[in-house]
């Protein structure tokens, strides 16, 4: 039972960590990702 509770707690910790990592600017729009100082995408 201890192993199951530990695994469940670790899964929750990993999910919360992944949420914050992906939410903190890892995902960008295509316009932000492919724009440079010399080239800008326009709609």
C-alpha atoms as a PDB file:
ATOM      1  CA  UNK A   1       0.000   0.000   0.000  1.00  0.00           C
ATOM      2  CA  UNK A   2       2.884   2.365   0.746  1.00  0.00           C
ATOM      3  CA  UNK A   3       4.327   1.830  -2.718  1.00  0.00           C
ATOM      4  CA  UNK A   4       0.993   2.673  -4.360  1.00  0.00           C
ATOM      5  CA  UNK A   5       0.595   5.885  -2.342  1.00  0.00           C
ATOM      6  CA  UNK A   6       4.177   6.881  -3.129  1.00  0.00           C
ATOM      7  CA  UNK A   7       3.647   6.232  -6.858  1.00  0.00           C
ATOM      8  CA  UNK A   8       0.393   8.219  -6.850  1.00  0.00           C
ATOM      9  CA  UNK A   9       2.057  11.137  -5.054  1.00  0.00           C
ATOM     10  CA  UNK A  10       4.983  11.095  -7.482  1.00  0.00           C
ATOM     11  CA  UNK A  11       2.599  11.070 -10.459  1.00  0.00           C
ATOM     12  CA  UNK A  12       0.852  14.156  -9.080  1.00  0.00           C
ATOM     13  CA  UNK A  13       4.172  15.928  -8.470  1.00  0.00           C
ATOM     14  CA  UNK A  14       5.382  15.105 -11.988  1.00  0.00           C
ATOM     15  CA  UNK A  15       2.122  16.295 -13.547  1.00  0.00           C
ATOM     16  CA  UNK A  16       2.229  19.612 -11.677  1.00  0.00           C
ATOM     17  CA  UNK A  17       5.890  20.103 -12.589  1.00  0.00           C
ATOM     18  CA  UNK A  18       5.200  19.381 -16.260  1.00  0.00           C
ATOM     19  CA  UNK A  19       2.307  21.833 -16.215  1.00  0.00           C
ATOM     20  CA  UNK A  20       4.500  24.657 -14.927  1.00  0.00           C
ATOM     21  CA  UNK A  21       7.387  23.838 -17.276  1.00  0.00           C
ATOM     22  CA  UNK A  22       5.124  23.799 -20.336  1.00  0.00           C
ATOM     23  CA  UNK A  23       3.152  26.844 -19.250  1.00  0.00           C
ATOM     24  CA  UNK A  24       6.162  29.087 -18.624  1.00  0.00           C
ATOM     25  CA  UNK A  25       6.925  29.997 -22.230  1.00  0.00           C
ATOM     26  CA  UNK A  26       7.857  26.597 -23.602  1.00  0.00           C
ATOM     27  CA  UNK A  27       4.920  26.776 -25.972  1.00  0.00           C
ATOM     28  CA  UNK A  28       4.992  29.753 -28.318  1.00  0.00           C
ATOM     29  CA  UNK A  29       2.868  30.857 -31.200  1.00  0.00           C
ATOM     30  CA  UNK A  30       4.200  30.249 -34.703  1.00  0.00           C
ATOM     31  CA  UNK A  31       4.545  33.989 -35.237  1.00  0.00           C
ATOM     32  CA  UNK A  32       6.772  34.307 -32.162  1.00  0.00           C
ATOM     33  CA  UNK A  33       8.772  31.174 -32.942  1.00  0.00           C
ATOM     34  CA  UNK A  34       9.603  32.008 -36.560  1.00  0.00           C
ATOM     35  CA  UNK A  35      10.194  35.737 -36.287  1.00  0.00           C
ATOM     36  CA  UNK A  36      13.664  37.282 -36.249  1.00  0.00           C
ATOM     37  CA  UNK A  37      14.866  40.856 -36.272  1.00  0.00           C
ATOM     38  CA  UNK A  38      15.006  40.848 -40.073  1.00  0.00           C
ATOM     39  CA  UNK A  39      11.909  38.812 -40.856  1.00  0.00           C
ATOM     40  CA  UNK A  40       8.420  39.131 -39.405  1.00  0.00           C
ATOM     41  CA  UNK A  41       5.434  36.997 -40.293  1.00  0.00           C
ATOM     42  CA  UNK A  42       2.191  38.802 -40.971  1.00  0.00           C
ATOM     43  CA  UNK A  43      -1.347  37.526 -41.202  1.00  0.00           C
END
